[in-house]
Amino acid sequence: MLRKRFAAALGAVALAAVAACSPASEPSSGEQVLRYAPAMFPVSLDTHKYAGEEAVQTAIQQIMEPLVRVDDGKIVPVLATSWENPDPTTWVFKLRSGVKFSDGTPFTAKDVVASYERHKKLDGPLVPLYSTVTSFAATDDQTVTVKTSKPLGTLLSSLTLLFIGPAAKIDTDGFFNKPIGTGPFTVTAFQPDEKLELAANPTYWDGAPKLNKLEFVNIPEVAGRITGLENGEVDVLTQIPPDQVGSVQGSDRITYSTTPSWTYYFDWFNSNRKPFTDKRVRQAMWHALNLEGTVKDLFGDLASVAQAPLAQGVIGAPKLSPYTYDPAKAKQLLTEAGYPNGFTTSMQWPLEGGPNIRALAQAMISDWAKIGVTVKPLEKERAQWLEDFGKLNWDMNLQTNVTGTGDADYTLARLYVCTAKRNGYCNPALDKLLLEARSSVDQAARPKLYQQAGQTIWDDAVGIFPAELASNAAVRSRVQGFVMPPSGRPLFAKVSVAGS
């Protein structure tokens, strides 16, 4: 029933959404233009300030590049061609020679250092990944040397998300309105939450892309995006909600596919606010949810009830037993915590923040009402949600998250150590486990530490983890070379279109 109501609501706004977000003029003969309609549109291109944002990462990786990248589960060279550990606390990176930024400026080690320093100065959400880095220096124009206070086994995976800009410009006002990078595309126009238009970089070091133009099209409603795909106004869609999959299947002009994902849902409690300062209340809220039924109803075979505070495909992910659906136990825990008659609270989530997010929120709120807990729904525009989220201005926060590096450290040590201050939860014993796992270069030992850490997060009910998701995509038949990676952030450097 929830799915039917959700689909009906989307259908009602589809026509308006397409009209409001009509595509740019048709490409001229022979010009390759691809239009991508992401589920979430970037609020900024400042990859250092919004380093953990999926939409920002997807956009910026077309323009700027990291030293290394994950490909098929392995770290591969990008702007760095090789690296070594002369001792356990030193990393030396050799940089690709002959690379230039799109404005013609030569790429050197100073650019890598400046980008790292700006990222660190802004104290964004990925800074904790580098907590043991003591120096990040340009040894010469083609060499970067990183020193750490203790071995850092996750440095390579973390660097996949450090995007490099020119040292002389990256910290100037307005740079990220039209950022310059070494990547396959350049920015021709950007308006936050409205439009992003890119053009091929003809001097790209790995060969100019076949696409002349790449347009990120903002169509807020999923039904509008699907209509645009059907009409040829959009070429690529990702994150299609399960109840809309039927709309993109069975057409000769559209190819639909699913792939494994590092994406999952979580609902955090603000452990600084009563009643969530008491873990019995947090546990009660989890036991009150019929997640098996809700996940099956809303997502079908595109999701499963989570078995950890991150997706199972991630390196080091623990495998834990989901909380049982037990309303009687939930009420008992509330009584023990001093809330026999329940309480009133709120839950926020970002508009279009994940597949079926509104319906998932409604199902959870309905289950909580059965144990006497009244939850006010707060669906917010993404910019406002981001501001409130960062300030801990919320009771509960529902969203999707992606383990962007494919390594458990990215999610667990980044979000759950005390110094992260992300949700009001602090546990020194958990810190010890997570930081030990981060520093270990023994890849067999790290999963054992994450198993213990995951169990602690689970038992203390730092949040509720409803589901892990599969990725899906629908592309028009003229699109060639499109690949949806587990990170959910497609790269368009090698994509082409046939005809126009």
Protein backbone atom coordinates (compact mmCIF):
# COMPACT_ATOMS: atom_id res chain seq x y z
CA MET A 1 0.00 0.00 0.00
CA LEU A 2 2.83 2.38 0.85
CA ARG A 3 4.40 1.76 -2.53
CA LYS A 4 1.13 2.48 -4.33
CA ARG A 5 0.62 5.78 -2.51
CA PHE A 6 4.23 6.77 -3.18
CA ALA A 7 4.02 5.92 -6.89
CA ALA A 8 0.73 7.81 -7.25
CA ALA A 9 2.22 10.91 -5.68
CA LEU A 10 5.20 10.77 -8.02
CA GLY A 11 3.01 10.32 -11.06
CA ALA A 12 1.03 13.43 -10.21
CA VAL A 13 4.12 15.63 -10.38
CA ALA A 14 5.92 13.98 -13.31
CA LEU A 15 4.60 16.28 -16.01
CA ALA A 16 5.38 19.40 -14.03
CA ALA A 17 8.89 18.18 -13.24
CA VAL A 18 9.77 17.58 -16.88
CA ALA A 19 8.37 20.95 -17.91
CA ALA A 20 10.37 22.73 -15.21
CA CYS A 21 13.60 20.97 -16.16
CA SER A 22 13.47 20.81 -19.93
CA PRO A 23 16.77 19.91 -21.57
CA ALA A 24 19.12 22.23 -23.40
CA SER A 25 18.87 22.63 -27.15
CA GLU A 26 19.39 19.55 -29.27
CA PRO A 27 23.00 18.79 -30.22
CA SER A 28 24.22 19.80 -33.64
CA SER A 29 24.98 17.11 -36.20
CA GLY A 30 27.89 14.94 -35.14
CA GLU A 31 28.14 16.46 -31.68
CA GLN A 32 28.11 13.93 -28.86
CA VAL A 33 25.99 15.18 -25.95
CA LEU A 34 24.99 13.02 -23.00
CA ARG A 35 22.41 14.10 -20.43
CA TYR A 36 22.57 12.52 -16.99
CA ALA A 37 19.77 12.99 -14.46
CA PRO A 38 21.15 12.08 -11.02
CA ALA A 39 18.90 11.26 -8.11
CA MET A 40 20.70 13.93 -6.06
CA PHE A 41 22.03 17.13 -7.57
CA PRO A 42 25.23 18.79 -6.26
CA VAL A 43 24.69 21.72 -3.90
CA SER A 44 28.29 22.75 -4.62
CA LEU A 45 31.38 21.65 -6.51
CA ASP A 46 33.63 22.31 -3.51
CA THR A 47 34.90 18.77 -3.06
CA HIS A 48 36.96 19.70 -0.01
CA LYS A 49 34.11 21.37 1.87
CA TYR A 50 31.51 18.74 0.89
CA ALA A 51 33.97 15.86 0.66
CA GLY A 52 31.52 13.16 1.75
CA GLU A 53 28.62 14.16 -0.49
CA GLU A 54 27.82 11.60 -3.18
CA ALA A 55 26.43 14.17 -5.61
CA VAL A 56 29.48 16.42 -5.23
CA GLN A 57 31.90 13.51 -5.70
CA THR A 58 30.08 12.29 -8.82
CA ALA A 59 30.26 15.73 -10.40
CA ILE A 60 33.81 16.70 -9.40
CA GLN A 61 35.44 13.47 -10.55
CA GLN A 62 34.58 14.46 -14.12
CA ILE A 63 36.63 17.65 -13.65
CA MET A 64 39.33 17.01 -11.04
CA GLU A 65 41.27 13.83 -10.29
CA PRO A 66 42.82 12.02 -7.30
CA LEU A 67 46.22 10.36 -7.06
CA VAL A 68 44.67 6.88 -7.19
CA ARG A 69 41.28 5.28 -7.81
CA VAL A 70 39.50 2.02 -6.98
CA ASP A 71 38.85 -0.15 -10.02
CA ASP A 72 37.45 -3.67 -9.68
CA GLY A 73 38.35 -3.75 -6.00
CA LYS A 74 41.96 -2.67 -6.55
CA ILE A 75 43.84 0.60 -6.16
CA VAL A 76 45.01 1.80 -9.59
CA PRO A 77 47.15 4.80 -10.65
CA VAL A 78 45.64 8.10 -11.75
CA LEU A 79 47.79 11.20 -11.10
CA ALA A 80 50.27 9.05 -9.19
CA THR A 81 51.96 6.33 -11.22
CA SER A 82 53.61 4.46 -8.33
CA TRP A 83 54.04 4.48 -4.56
CA GLU A 84 56.16 2.76 -1.95
CA ASN A 85 56.71 2.44 1.81
CA PRO A 86 60.41 2.91 2.56
CA ASP A 87 59.44 2.48 6.22
CA PRO A 88 56.12 1.75 8.04
CA THR A 89 55.30 5.45 8.58
CA THR A 90 56.38 6.86 5.22
CA TRP A 91 54.66 6.84 1.83
CA VAL A 92 56.34 8.14 -1.31
CA PHE A 93 54.26 8.85 -4.43
CA LYS A 94 55.71 9.39 -7.89
CA LEU A 95 53.51 11.62 -10.04
CA ARG A 96 52.53 11.31 -13.68
CA SER A 97 54.72 13.53 -15.84
CA GLY A 98 53.47 15.78 -18.63
CA VAL A 99 50.02 16.31 -17.09
CA LYS A 100 48.48 19.78 -17.32
CA PHE A 101 45.40 21.36 -15.82
CA SER A 102 42.71 22.34 -18.31
CA ASP A 103 43.97 25.97 -18.24
CA GLY A 104 47.42 24.80 -19.40
CA THR A 105 49.16 25.01 -16.00
CA PRO A 106 51.59 22.10 -15.41
CA PHE A 107 50.56 19.66 -12.68
CA THR A 108 53.17 19.25 -9.91
CA ALA A 109 53.53 17.93 -6.37
CA LYS A 110 52.79 21.41 -5.00
CA ASP A 111 49.23 21.09 -6.31
CA VAL A 112 48.73 17.83 -4.41
CA VAL A 113 50.01 19.38 -1.18
CA ALA A 114 47.88 22.52 -1.58
CA SER A 115 44.76 20.44 -2.18
CA TYR A 116 45.45 18.32 0.89
CA GLU A 117 46.10 21.40 3.03
CA ARG A 118 42.89 23.11 1.92
CA HIS A 119 40.90 19.96 2.60
CA LYS A 120 42.45 19.73 6.06
CA LYS A 121 41.91 23.43 6.81
CA LEU A 122 38.20 23.20 6.02
CA ASP A 123 37.92 20.30 8.50
CA GLY A 124 35.41 18.47 6.32
CA PRO A 125 33.94 15.03 6.96
CA LEU A 126 36.89 13.11 5.47
CA VAL A 127 39.62 14.83 7.50
CA PRO A 128 39.52 12.11 10.21
CA LEU A 129 40.80 9.65 7.60
CA TYR A 130 44.15 11.45 7.80
CA SER A 131 44.30 11.84 11.60
CA THR A 132 47.75 10.22 11.88
CA VAL A 133 49.32 12.15 8.98
CA THR A 134 52.08 14.39 10.38
CA SER A 135 53.39 15.85 7.12
CA PHE A 136 52.33 15.99 3.49
CA ALA A 137 55.17 17.46 1.44
CA ALA A 138 56.41 18.06 -2.10
CA THR A 139 59.87 16.46 -2.13
CA ASP A 140 60.30 17.69 -5.71
CA ASP A 141 57.95 18.54 -8.59
CA GLN A 142 57.21 14.87 -9.28
CA THR A 143 57.31 13.42 -5.75
CA VAL A 144 54.98 13.64 -2.75
CA THR A 145 56.10 12.26 0.61
CA VAL A 146 53.58 11.53 3.36
CA LYS A 147 54.69 10.93 6.95
CA THR A 148 52.44 9.43 9.62
CA SER A 149 52.73 9.09 13.40
CA LYS A 150 51.91 5.39 13.13
CA PRO A 151 51.37 2.98 10.24
CA LEU A 152 48.35 4.00 8.14
CA GLY A 153 47.04 1.03 6.20
CA THR A 154 44.13 3.02 4.73
CA LEU A 155 46.02 5.92 3.16
CA LEU A 156 45.65 4.70 -0.42
CA SER A 157 41.89 4.14 -0.16
CA SER A 158 41.45 7.55 1.50
CA LEU A 159 43.39 9.30 -1.27
CA THR A 160 40.87 8.06 -3.84
CA LEU A 161 38.64 10.90 -2.64
CA LEU A 162 41.22 13.71 -2.45
CA PHE A 163 40.72 15.66 -5.68
CA ILE A 164 43.55 17.85 -6.91
CA GLY A 165 43.38 21.45 -8.11
CA PRO A 166 46.05 24.04 -9.05
CA ALA A 167 47.89 25.34 -5.98
CA ALA A 168 47.86 28.95 -7.16
CA LYS A 169 44.07 29.08 -7.61
CA ILE A 170 42.39 26.41 -5.50
CA ASP A 171 41.97 28.62 -2.42
CA THR A 172 40.85 31.77 -4.23
CA ASP A 173 37.29 33.11 -3.89
CA GLY A 174 34.90 31.61 -6.40
CA PHE A 175 37.28 28.90 -7.63
CA PHE A 176 34.76 26.13 -7.06
CA ASN A 177 32.05 27.97 -8.99
CA LYS A 178 34.03 26.92 -12.07
CA PRO A 179 36.81 24.63 -10.83
CA ILE A 180 39.88 23.75 -12.89
CA GLY A 181 41.28 20.23 -12.88
CA THR A 182 43.26 17.67 -14.84
CA GLY A 183 40.15 15.61 -15.61
CA PRO A 184 38.35 14.73 -18.85
CA PHE A 185 35.81 17.58 -18.68
CA THR A 186 35.72 21.30 -17.93
CA VAL A 187 32.90 23.39 -16.45
CA THR A 188 30.99 25.66 -18.80
CA ALA A 189 28.10 26.46 -16.44
CA PHE A 190 27.12 25.60 -12.88
CA GLN A 191 24.28 26.70 -10.64
CA PRO A 192 23.85 24.78 -7.35
CA ASP A 193 20.78 22.53 -7.37
CA GLU A 194 19.92 23.75 -10.88
CA LYS A 195 22.34 22.85 -13.64
CA LEU A 196 25.84 21.61 -14.43
CA GLU A 197 27.15 21.73 -17.98
CA LEU A 198 30.54 20.27 -18.89
CA ALA A 199 32.60 20.26 -22.06
CA ALA A 200 35.29 17.82 -23.18
CA ASN A 201 38.85 18.67 -22.19
CA PRO A 202 40.67 18.25 -25.54
CA THR A 203 44.09 18.10 -23.85
CA TYR A 204 43.18 15.46 -21.27
CA TRP A 205 46.27 13.35 -20.55
CA ASP A 206 44.41 10.04 -20.97
CA GLY A 207 42.86 11.04 -24.30
CA ALA A 208 40.04 13.45 -24.97
CA PRO A 209 36.60 12.00 -24.13
CA LYS A 210 34.33 11.04 -26.99
CA LEU A 211 31.53 13.12 -25.52
CA ASN A 212 31.61 16.78 -26.56
CA LYS A 213 29.26 17.77 -23.78
CA LEU A 214 28.07 16.21 -20.54
CA GLU A 215 25.03 17.77 -18.88
CA PHE A 216 23.79 17.00 -15.37
CA VAL A 217 20.06 17.61 -15.61
CA ASN A 218 18.15 18.43 -12.42
CA ILE A 219 14.71 16.81 -12.43
CA PRO A 220 13.70 16.62 -8.75
CA GLU A 221 11.01 13.97 -9.03
CA VAL A 222 11.80 10.41 -10.03
CA ALA A 223 8.71 10.11 -12.25
CA GLY A 224 9.87 13.17 -14.16
CA ARG A 225 13.31 11.64 -14.66
CA ILE A 226 11.80 8.43 -15.99
CA THR A 227 9.55 10.36 -18.37
CA GLY A 228 12.62 12.25 -19.59
CA LEU A 229 14.42 8.94 -20.24
CA GLU A 230 11.48 7.53 -22.14
CA ASN A 231 11.20 10.67 -24.27
CA GLY A 232 14.91 10.83 -25.05
CA GLU A 233 15.40 14.04 -23.08
CA VAL A 234 17.66 12.15 -20.66
CA ASP A 235 20.23 9.45 -21.54
CA VAL A 236 21.21 7.99 -18.15
CA LEU A 237 19.33 7.46 -14.89
CA THR A 238 20.65 5.91 -11.69
CA GLN A 239 19.09 5.04 -8.34
CA ILE A 240 15.67 4.16 -9.75
CA PRO A 241 13.31 3.34 -6.87
CA PRO A 242 12.16 -0.29 -6.84
CA ASP A 243 8.52 0.63 -7.36
CA GLN A 244 9.48 2.47 -10.57
CA VAL A 245 11.75 -0.18 -12.10
CA GLY A 246 8.92 -1.58 -14.22
CA SER A 247 8.75 1.77 -16.02
CA VAL A 248 12.25 1.38 -17.46
CA GLN A 249 12.22 -2.33 -18.25
CA GLY A 250 11.09 -4.04 -21.42
CA SER A 251 11.89 -1.25 -23.87
CA ASP A 252 14.15 -1.80 -26.88
CA ARG A 253 15.42 1.75 -26.43
CA ILE A 254 16.39 1.39 -22.75
CA THR A 255 18.82 -0.98 -21.01
CA TYR A 256 18.25 -1.64 -17.32
CA SER A 257 20.89 -3.23 -15.08
CA THR A 258 21.73 -3.80 -11.41
CA THR A 259 25.14 -4.05 -9.73
CA PRO A 260 26.46 -4.60 -6.20
CA SER A 261 26.63 -1.46 -4.10
CA TRP A 262 28.40 0.09 -1.12
CA THR A 263 25.23 2.01 -0.28
CA TYR A 264 23.05 1.54 2.79
CA TYR A 265 20.38 3.32 4.82
CA PHE A 266 20.88 4.49 8.38
CA ASP A 267 18.79 6.36 10.91
CA TRP A 268 21.03 7.94 13.53
CA PHE A 269 19.95 9.02 16.98
CA ASN A 270 21.28 12.28 18.36
CA SER A 271 22.81 10.84 21.51
CA ASN A 272 23.19 14.36 22.94
CA ARG A 273 19.42 14.74 23.21
CA LYS A 274 17.02 13.05 25.56
CA PRO A 275 15.62 10.46 25.45
CA PHE A 276 18.30 9.13 23.07
CA THR A 277 21.01 9.59 25.70
CA ASP A 278 19.72 6.23 27.04
CA LYS A 279 20.71 3.27 24.89
CA ARG A 280 17.63 1.35 26.08
CA VAL A 281 15.49 3.90 24.26
CA ARG A 282 17.58 3.53 21.13
CA GLN A 283 17.33 -0.27 21.32
CA ALA A 284 13.57 -0.01 21.86
CA MET A 285 13.19 2.09 18.71
CA TRP A 286 15.00 -0.61 16.72
CA HIS A 287 13.02 -3.53 18.16
CA ALA A 288 9.80 -1.66 17.28
CA LEU A 289 10.51 -1.84 13.55
CA ASN A 290 9.29 -4.60 11.25
CA LEU A 291 12.24 -4.09 8.94
CA GLU A 292 12.02 -7.43 7.16
CA GLY A 293 8.48 -6.67 6.04
CA THR A 294 9.14 -3.03 5.23
CA VAL A 295 12.30 -3.68 3.23
CA LYS A 296 10.64 -6.46 1.23
CA ASP A 297 7.59 -4.31 0.54
CA LEU A 298 9.43 -1.16 -0.47
CA PHE A 299 12.55 -2.50 -2.18
CA GLY A 300 11.90 -6.07 -3.36
CA ASP A 301 15.15 -7.68 -4.54
CA LEU A 302 16.97 -4.32 -4.65
CA ALA A 303 17.64 -4.31 -0.91
CA SER A 304 18.05 -6.55 2.10
CA VAL A 305 17.93 -5.94 5.83
CA ALA A 306 21.36 -4.67 6.83
CA GLN A 307 23.71 -6.96 8.73
CA ALA A 308 26.17 -4.25 9.72
CA PRO A 309 26.48 -0.46 9.94
CA LEU A 310 27.70 -0.55 6.32
CA ALA A 311 27.16 -2.72 3.24
CA GLN A 312 28.45 -6.30 3.10
CA GLY A 313 30.43 -5.76 -0.10
CA VAL A 314 32.82 -3.38 1.63
CA ILE A 315 36.30 -4.63 2.59
CA GLY A 316 36.23 -5.49 6.30
CA ALA A 317 32.46 -5.33 6.72
CA PRO A 318 31.32 -7.37 9.75
CA LYS A 319 28.32 -9.69 9.56
CA LEU A 320 25.91 -9.20 12.47
CA SER A 321 22.43 -10.46 13.44
CA PRO A 322 19.63 -7.98 12.71
CA TYR A 323 17.50 -6.83 15.66
CA THR A 324 14.35 -8.89 16.07
CA TYR A 325 10.96 -7.29 15.50
CA ASP A 326 9.61 -7.35 19.06
CA PRO A 327 7.17 -4.53 20.02
CA ALA A 328 6.66 -6.06 23.49
CA LYS A 329 10.38 -5.90 24.19
CA ALA A 330 10.46 -2.37 22.82
CA LYS A 331 7.75 -1.28 25.29
CA GLN A 332 9.57 -3.04 28.14
CA LEU A 333 12.81 -1.20 27.33
CA LEU A 334 10.96 2.13 27.20
CA THR A 335 9.41 1.43 30.61
CA GLU A 336 12.80 0.55 32.09
CA ALA A 337 14.18 3.83 30.70
CA GLY A 338 11.35 5.81 32.31
CA TYR A 339 9.07 6.25 29.30
CA PRO A 340 6.16 3.84 29.90
CA ASN A 341 3.82 6.04 27.86
CA GLY A 342 6.30 6.73 25.10
CA PHE A 343 7.41 10.22 24.03
CA THR A 344 7.38 12.68 21.14
CA THR A 345 10.36 13.33 18.88
CA SER A 346 11.20 14.07 15.23
CA MET A 347 13.09 12.57 12.30
CA GLN A 348 14.63 14.53 9.43
CA TRP A 349 15.65 13.36 5.99
CA PRO A 350 16.70 15.09 2.75
CA LEU A 351 14.22 15.49 -0.07
CA GLU A 352 14.92 12.78 -2.67
CA GLY A 353 17.72 11.56 -0.39
CA GLY A 354 17.48 7.91 -1.43
CA PRO A 355 15.16 5.37 -3.08
CA ASN A 356 11.75 5.37 -1.42
CA ILE A 357 13.12 7.41 1.48
CA ARG A 358 9.79 9.08 2.20
CA ALA A 359 7.94 5.77 2.20
CA LEU A 360 10.63 4.20 4.40
CA ALA A 361 10.32 7.08 6.87
CA GLN A 362 6.54 6.74 6.92
CA ALA A 363 6.72 3.00 7.56
CA MET A 364 9.14 3.51 10.46
CA ILE A 365 7.03 6.29 11.94
CA SER A 366 3.96 4.05 11.72
CA ASP A 367 5.73 1.23 13.59
CA TRP A 368 6.93 3.60 16.30
CA ALA A 369 3.42 4.91 16.86
CA LYS A 370 2.42 1.37 17.88
CA ILE A 371 4.72 1.56 20.93
CA GLY A 372 3.55 5.04 21.90
CA VAL A 373 6.33 7.05 20.25
CA THR A 374 5.11 9.96 18.12
CA VAL A 375 7.61 11.04 15.49
CA LYS A 376 7.22 14.30 13.61
CA PRO A 377 8.37 13.91 9.97
CA LEU A 378 10.78 16.61 8.77
CA GLU A 379 11.52 16.31 5.06
CA LYS A 380 13.96 19.09 4.16
CA GLU A 381 15.51 20.60 1.07
CA ARG A 382 19.01 19.20 0.78
CA ALA A 383 20.85 22.46 1.51
CA GLN A 384 18.86 23.02 4.71
CA TRP A 385 19.21 19.38 5.69
CA LEU A 386 23.00 19.57 5.26
CA GLU A 387 23.21 22.67 7.45
CA ASP A 388 21.08 21.17 10.22
CA PHE A 389 22.84 17.82 9.97
CA GLY A 390 26.26 19.38 10.45
CA LYS A 391 25.08 21.41 13.45
CA LEU A 392 23.45 18.36 15.11
CA ASN A 393 20.16 20.22 14.90
CA TRP A 394 18.01 17.07 14.83
CA ASP A 395 16.60 14.25 16.97
CA MET A 396 16.86 11.46 14.39
CA ASN A 397 18.42 11.61 10.95
CA LEU A 398 17.52 9.22 8.11
CA GLN A 399 19.66 9.03 4.98
CA THR A 400 21.63 6.83 2.64
CA ASN A 401 25.39 6.63 2.84
CA VAL A 402 28.05 5.17 0.58
CA THR A 403 31.37 3.76 1.75
CA GLY A 404 33.11 5.84 -0.88
CA THR A 405 36.52 4.15 -0.72
CA GLY A 406 35.19 0.59 -0.47
CA ASP A 407 37.07 0.19 2.84
CA ALA A 408 35.29 -0.17 6.20
CA ASP A 409 37.52 2.52 7.69
CA TYR A 410 35.84 5.16 5.52
CA THR A 411 32.54 4.59 7.27
CA LEU A 412 33.38 3.24 10.72
CA ALA A 413 36.46 5.19 11.80
CA ARG A 414 35.35 8.33 9.99
CA LEU A 415 31.89 8.49 11.54
CA TYR A 416 32.03 6.76 14.92
CA VAL A 417 35.19 7.88 16.72
CA CYS A 418 34.61 10.43 19.47
CA THR A 419 36.46 13.21 17.64
CA ALA A 420 34.09 12.92 14.66
CA LYS A 421 31.24 14.47 16.70
CA ARG A 422 28.70 13.35 14.12
CA ASN A 423 25.84 12.10 16.29
CA GLY A 424 26.64 12.74 19.94
CA TYR A 425 27.91 9.21 20.56
CA CYS A 426 31.36 8.68 22.09
CA ASN A 427 32.91 5.40 23.22
CA PRO A 428 36.69 5.30 23.94
CA ALA A 429 36.72 1.49 23.71
CA LEU A 430 35.26 1.73 20.20
CA ASP A 431 37.83 4.38 19.30
CA LYS A 432 40.61 2.01 20.30
CA LEU A 433 39.32 -0.76 18.01
CA LEU A 434 38.75 1.52 15.03
CA LEU A 435 42.07 3.32 15.26
CA GLU A 436 43.92 0.04 15.65
CA ALA A 437 42.21 -1.27 12.52
CA ARG A 438 43.12 1.91 10.64
CA SER A 439 46.80 1.70 11.54
CA SER A 440 47.15 -2.01 10.84
CA VAL A 441 48.82 -3.02 7.60
CA ASP A 442 47.82 -6.64 8.29
CA GLN A 443 44.81 -7.09 6.01
CA ALA A 444 43.84 -10.31 7.80
CA ALA A 445 43.71 -8.61 11.22
CA ARG A 446 41.59 -5.62 10.20
CA PRO A 447 38.30 -7.52 9.60
CA LYS A 448 38.51 -9.05 13.09
CA LEU A 449 38.77 -5.61 14.63
CA TYR A 450 35.84 -4.35 12.52
CA GLN A 451 33.76 -7.31 13.67
CA GLN A 452 34.23 -6.19 17.29
CA ALA A 453 33.67 -2.53 16.45
CA GLY A 454 30.54 -3.28 14.45
CA GLN A 455 29.10 -5.33 17.29
CA THR A 456 29.65 -2.41 19.69
CA ILE A 457 27.87 0.02 17.35
CA TRP A 458 25.10 -2.56 16.95
CA ASP A 459 24.66 -3.32 20.67
CA ASP A 460 24.69 0.35 21.67
CA ALA A 461 22.16 1.12 18.90
CA VAL A 462 24.03 4.23 17.83
CA GLY A 463 21.59 4.21 14.97
CA ILE A 464 19.21 1.92 13.15
CA PHE A 465 20.42 0.32 9.93
CA PRO A 466 17.32 -0.65 7.95
CA ALA A 467 18.77 -1.85 4.65
CA GLU A 468 21.68 -2.17 2.28
CA LEU A 469 20.92 -1.38 -1.34
CA ALA A 470 21.89 -2.59 -4.78
CA SER A 471 22.76 -0.02 -7.46
CA ASN A 472 20.73 0.18 -10.63
CA ALA A 473 20.83 2.21 -13.80
CA ALA A 474 18.79 2.72 -16.95
CA VAL A 475 20.44 4.04 -20.10
CA ARG A 476 19.20 4.68 -23.59
CA SER A 477 20.44 2.22 -26.19
CA ARG A 478 22.56 4.89 -27.91
CA VAL A 479 24.80 5.13 -24.81
CA GLN A 480 27.94 3.01 -24.99
CA GLY A 481 30.58 2.25 -22.36
CA PHE A 482 28.56 3.25 -19.29
CA VAL A 483 29.53 1.37 -16.11
CA MET A 484 27.89 1.75 -12.70
CA PRO A 485 30.56 1.19 -10.01
CA PRO A 486 29.77 -0.03 -6.46
CA SER A 487 30.45 3.50 -5.19
CA GLY A 488 27.40 4.73 -7.13
CA ARG A 489 29.51 7.49 -8.71
CA PRO A 490 29.73 6.90 -12.48
CA LEU A 491 32.66 8.31 -14.47
CA PHE A 492 31.90 9.43 -18.02
CA ALA A 493 35.44 9.73 -19.44
CA LYS A 494 35.07 6.63 -21.66
CA VAL A 495 31.34 6.89 -22.41
CA SER A 496 30.05 7.71 -25.88
CA VAL A 497 26.71 8.06 -27.66
CA ALA A 498 25.73 6.80 -31.08
CA GLY A 499 23.79 9.32 -33.11
CA SER A 500 22.12 12.39 -31.67
